[in-house]
């Protein structure tokens, strides 16, 4: 690993530590802040412990950094109370909700969209460098994992709301009275991931000479024999 990459990652780590500490001081709802950051702490620990064996690219680390910083803003205020309307009104003289005709706080929608937009590419790195997928699967599988993890997170939110209940459960769930909140969140994460993969594919298409051939090869049947009971019989017979 070259020194410039190490310095870049260290800079991002220090900056995020500053953001984390600053926004961890006097959050609007301390218990919700703590609950929101459980997965963040686990993610940071994972990134640190795997850095030597699996360092991500600068692009991936930057995308992860941006997403985590936005998440920290949401966890500081609780997502449904991030005062972006006050910020836009102070700068532009008009709130964003008035401009867009919105009635609810949409900061949580932004985070779900950026989850797909910013995290799909790091997932692509994992699939390309560990699973060694190519072509179509190098774009579809990161999108698929983005969508499935978004669904898993919604289940975690539901479970936490059931366990904790009360103000903490409501703050963490953040539906703001929308019965389709989880569905919309998953849709936005999916759209974000799709946009990320389309941008990645467009860049690769313009730079990669064998782009079309790689896609075609990735969709070619490599093994014509069926699996299932045929494979079970082969393994049982010691084949």
Protein backbone atom coordinates (compact mmCIF):
# COMPACT_ATOMS: atom_id res chain seq x y z
CA UNK A 1 0.00 0.00 0.00
CA UNK A 2 1.58 3.29 -1.07
CA UNK A 3 2.05 6.10 1.44
CA UNK A 4 -0.26 8.53 -0.36
CA UNK A 5 -3.16 6.08 -0.07
CA UNK A 6 -2.47 5.59 3.63
CA UNK A 7 -2.36 9.34 4.22
CA UNK A 8 -5.60 9.81 2.33
CA UNK A 9 -7.41 7.14 4.35
CA UNK A 10 -5.96 8.50 7.60
CA UNK A 11 -7.17 12.00 6.68
CA UNK A 12 -10.69 10.70 6.08
CA UNK A 13 -10.55 8.77 9.37
CA UNK A 14 -9.49 11.86 11.33
CA UNK A 15 -12.14 14.01 9.64
CA UNK A 16 -14.85 11.48 10.38
CA UNK A 17 -13.71 11.17 13.99
CA UNK A 18 -14.10 14.94 14.27
CA UNK A 19 -17.58 14.84 12.74
CA UNK A 20 -18.57 11.91 14.96
CA UNK A 21 -17.41 13.63 18.15
CA UNK A 22 -18.84 17.04 17.25
CA UNK A 23 -22.26 15.67 16.36
CA UNK A 24 -22.19 13.32 19.31
CA UNK A 25 -22.12 16.27 21.70
CA UNK A 26 -25.59 17.09 22.99
CA UNK A 27 -27.67 15.28 20.34
CA UNK A 28 -31.38 15.98 20.32
CA UNK A 29 -32.20 12.46 21.55
CA UNK A 30 -29.21 10.74 23.22
CA UNK A 31 -30.73 7.24 23.28
CA UNK A 32 -31.70 7.45 19.60
CA UNK A 33 -28.21 8.76 18.73
CA UNK A 34 -26.68 5.75 20.46
CA UNK A 35 -29.02 3.34 18.70
CA UNK A 36 -28.42 4.96 15.31
CA UNK A 37 -24.65 4.59 15.73
CA UNK A 38 -24.46 0.91 16.67
CA UNK A 39 -24.13 -0.11 13.02
CA UNK A 40 -21.75 2.79 12.35
CA UNK A 41 -19.36 1.60 15.05
CA UNK A 42 -19.54 -1.96 13.72
CA UNK A 43 -18.86 -0.73 10.17
CA UNK A 44 -15.87 1.36 11.27
CA UNK A 45 -14.43 -1.57 13.25
CA UNK A 46 -14.83 -3.79 10.19
CA UNK A 47 -13.09 -1.26 7.93
CA UNK A 48 -10.21 -0.83 10.38
CA UNK A 49 -9.65 -4.54 11.02
CA UNK A 50 -9.74 -5.45 7.31
CA UNK A 51 -7.64 -2.50 6.09
CA UNK A 52 -4.38 -4.41 5.70
CA UNK A 53 -5.88 -7.42 3.91
CA UNK A 54 -8.54 -5.60 1.95
CA UNK A 55 -7.95 -1.86 1.53
CA UNK A 56 -10.63 -0.20 -0.54
CA UNK A 57 -9.85 2.34 -3.26
CA UNK A 58 -9.85 6.04 -2.49
CA UNK A 59 -13.11 6.34 -4.39
CA UNK A 60 -14.79 3.76 -2.16
CA UNK A 61 -13.41 5.22 1.07
CA UNK A 62 -14.59 8.68 0.01
CA UNK A 63 -18.09 7.42 -0.76
CA UNK A 64 -18.27 5.59 2.58
CA UNK A 65 -17.01 8.72 4.36
CA UNK A 66 -19.66 10.93 2.76
CA UNK A 67 -22.45 8.53 3.63
CA UNK A 68 -21.34 8.18 7.26
CA UNK A 69 -21.07 11.97 7.65
CA UNK A 70 -24.61 12.46 6.37
CA UNK A 71 -25.78 9.71 8.70
CA UNK A 72 -24.17 11.49 11.66
CA UNK A 73 -26.16 14.62 10.87
CA UNK A 74 -29.34 12.56 10.92
CA UNK A 75 -28.44 10.80 14.15
CA UNK A 76 -27.60 14.11 15.86
CA UNK A 77 -31.02 15.64 15.25
CA UNK A 78 -32.97 12.38 14.77
CA UNK A 79 -33.81 12.00 11.12
CA UNK A 80 -37.32 13.40 11.27
CA UNK A 81 -36.11 16.65 12.87
CA UNK A 82 -33.05 17.62 10.80
CA UNK A 83 -33.61 21.40 10.31
CA UNK A 84 -32.73 21.57 6.63
CA UNK A 85 -35.69 23.90 6.04
CA UNK A 86 -34.24 26.43 8.46
CA UNK A 87 -30.87 26.13 6.72
CA UNK A 88 -32.24 26.70 3.22
CA UNK A 89 -34.46 29.54 4.43
CA UNK A 90 -31.48 31.25 6.04
CA UNK A 91 -29.45 30.97 2.83
CA UNK A 92 -32.08 31.34 0.10
CA UNK A 93 -34.94 33.01 1.94
CA UNK A 94 -37.28 30.09 1.37
CA UNK A 95 -37.56 26.64 2.89
CA UNK A 96 -36.90 23.59 0.73
CA UNK A 97 -40.24 22.03 1.68
CA UNK A 98 -42.10 25.14 0.50
CA UNK A 99 -40.15 25.13 -2.73
CA UNK A 100 -40.79 21.42 -3.40
CA UNK A 101 -44.32 21.29 -1.98
CA UNK A 102 -43.36 18.74 0.68
CA UNK A 103 -45.17 18.30 3.98
CA UNK A 104 -42.85 15.91 5.87
CA UNK A 105 -39.15 16.03 6.72
CA UNK A 106 -37.38 14.20 3.89
CA UNK A 107 -33.84 13.98 5.26
CA UNK A 108 -34.31 10.26 5.90
CA UNK A 109 -35.27 9.80 2.25
CA UNK A 110 -31.99 11.48 1.23
CA UNK A 111 -29.98 9.11 3.41
CA UNK A 112 -31.65 6.01 2.00
CA UNK A 113 -30.99 7.25 -1.54
CA UNK A 114 -27.35 8.04 -0.75
CA UNK A 115 -26.96 4.64 0.88
CA UNK A 116 -27.52 3.07 -2.52
CA UNK A 117 -25.64 5.80 -4.40
CA UNK A 118 -22.54 5.74 -2.17
CA UNK A 119 -22.35 2.13 -0.96
CA UNK A 120 -23.05 0.18 -4.16
CA UNK A 121 -19.60 0.96 -5.57
CA UNK A 122 -17.65 -0.30 -2.50
CA UNK A 123 -19.78 -3.45 -2.68
CA UNK A 124 -18.77 -3.78 -6.33
CA UNK A 125 -15.12 -3.71 -5.25
CA UNK A 126 -15.81 -6.61 -2.89
CA UNK A 127 -17.44 -8.68 -5.62
CA UNK A 128 -14.74 -7.95 -8.19
CA UNK A 129 -11.77 -8.52 -5.88
CA UNK A 130 -13.01 -11.39 -3.71
CA UNK A 131 -15.71 -13.21 -5.65
CA UNK A 132 -13.99 -12.39 -8.97
CA UNK A 133 -17.23 -11.69 -10.81
CA UNK A 134 -17.11 -10.00 -14.20
CA UNK A 135 -19.42 -8.35 -16.69
CA UNK A 136 -23.12 -8.18 -15.88
CA UNK A 137 -22.67 -9.73 -12.42
CA UNK A 138 -20.22 -7.01 -11.38
CA UNK A 139 -23.09 -4.52 -11.63
CA UNK A 140 -26.11 -6.60 -10.74
CA UNK A 141 -24.79 -8.21 -7.55
CA UNK A 142 -23.75 -4.92 -5.85
CA UNK A 143 -27.20 -3.55 -6.66
CA UNK A 144 -28.83 -6.72 -5.36
CA UNK A 145 -26.90 -6.55 -2.05
CA UNK A 146 -27.72 -2.85 -1.73
CA UNK A 147 -31.41 -3.66 -2.09
CA UNK A 148 -31.34 -6.64 0.28
CA UNK A 149 -29.37 -4.84 3.00
CA UNK A 150 -31.78 -1.93 2.75
CA UNK A 151 -34.60 -4.41 3.41
CA UNK A 152 -32.67 -5.93 6.32
CA UNK A 153 -32.20 -2.48 7.84
CA UNK A 154 -35.93 -1.82 7.65
CA UNK A 155 -36.49 -5.09 9.53
CA UNK A 156 -33.93 -3.98 12.14
CA UNK A 157 -35.78 -0.68 12.54
CA UNK A 158 -39.06 -2.50 12.97
CA UNK A 159 -37.57 -4.90 15.51
CA UNK A 160 -35.93 -2.09 17.49
CA UNK A 161 -39.17 -0.13 17.55
CA UNK A 162 -41.01 -3.19 18.86
CA UNK A 163 -38.38 -3.85 21.54
CA UNK A 164 -37.84 -0.30 22.80
CA UNK A 165 -41.23 1.23 22.03
CA UNK A 166 -42.21 4.68 23.29
CA UNK A 167 -40.37 7.82 22.19
CA UNK A 168 -37.15 5.94 21.42
CA UNK A 169 -38.89 3.44 19.16
CA UNK A 170 -40.77 6.20 17.35
CA UNK A 171 -37.63 8.33 16.94
CA UNK A 172 -35.62 5.40 15.58
CA UNK A 173 -38.36 4.22 13.22
CA UNK A 174 -39.07 7.75 11.96
CA UNK A 175 -42.08 6.94 9.78
CA UNK A 176 -43.69 10.33 10.43
CA UNK A 177 -47.11 8.77 9.96
CA UNK A 178 -46.38 7.31 6.51
CA UNK A 179 -47.56 3.69 6.38
CA UNK A 180 -45.47 3.16 3.22
CA UNK A 181 -42.32 4.65 4.75
CA UNK A 182 -40.26 1.42 4.68
CA UNK A 183 -41.26 0.69 1.08
CA UNK A 184 -40.28 4.17 -0.09
CA UNK A 185 -36.97 3.96 1.77
CA UNK A 186 -36.12 0.66 0.10
CA UNK A 187 -37.13 2.05 -3.29
CA UNK A 188 -34.88 5.07 -2.89
CA UNK A 189 -31.93 2.92 -1.82
CA UNK A 190 -32.54 0.75 -4.89
CA UNK A 191 -32.69 3.79 -7.18
CA UNK A 192 -29.48 5.15 -5.66
CA UNK A 193 -27.71 1.83 -6.21
CA UNK A 194 -29.01 1.62 -9.77
CA UNK A 195 -27.77 5.14 -10.54
CA UNK A 196 -24.34 4.28 -9.10
CA UNK A 197 -24.05 1.14 -11.21
CA UNK A 198 -25.28 2.90 -14.36
CA UNK A 199 -22.67 5.62 -13.90
CA UNK A 200 -19.99 2.98 -13.28
CA UNK A 201 -21.06 1.03 -16.35
CA UNK A 202 -21.05 4.18 -18.50
CA UNK A 203 -17.51 5.06 -17.38
CA UNK A 204 -16.27 1.52 -17.96
CA UNK A 205 -17.99 1.33 -21.34
CA UNK A 206 -16.09 4.43 -22.48
CA UNK A 207 -12.72 3.22 -21.16
CA UNK A 208 -12.81 -0.59 -21.36
CA UNK A 209 -12.18 -1.95 -24.84
CA UNK A 210 -13.53 -5.44 -24.10
CA UNK A 211 -16.61 -4.20 -22.20
CA UNK A 212 -19.13 -5.89 -24.51
CA UNK A 213 -17.16 -9.12 -24.74
CA UNK A 214 -16.83 -9.31 -20.95
CA UNK A 215 -20.59 -8.87 -20.53
CA UNK A 216 -21.29 -11.54 -23.14
CA UNK A 217 -18.84 -13.95 -21.50
CA UNK A 218 -20.34 -13.35 -18.06
CA UNK A 219 -23.76 -14.47 -19.32
CA UNK A 220 -22.49 -17.53 -21.21
CA UNK A 221 -23.42 -20.93 -19.75
CA UNK A 222 -20.18 -22.37 -18.32
CA UNK A 223 -21.54 -25.76 -17.32
CA UNK A 224 -24.29 -27.39 -19.34
CA UNK A 225 -24.97 -30.22 -16.90
CA UNK A 226 -27.80 -29.49 -14.44
CA UNK A 227 -27.16 -29.45 -10.70
CA UNK A 228 -29.70 -30.34 -8.01
CA UNK A 229 -30.28 -34.09 -7.80
CA UNK A 230 -27.66 -34.69 -10.52
CA UNK A 231 -24.97 -32.99 -8.44
CA UNK A 232 -26.12 -34.76 -5.27
CA UNK A 233 -25.79 -38.14 -7.01
CA UNK A 234 -22.35 -37.21 -8.33
CA UNK A 235 -21.12 -36.22 -4.88
CA UNK A 236 -22.66 -39.31 -3.29
CA UNK A 237 -20.94 -41.54 -5.81
CA UNK A 238 -17.63 -39.79 -5.08
CA UNK A 239 -17.46 -38.21 -8.51
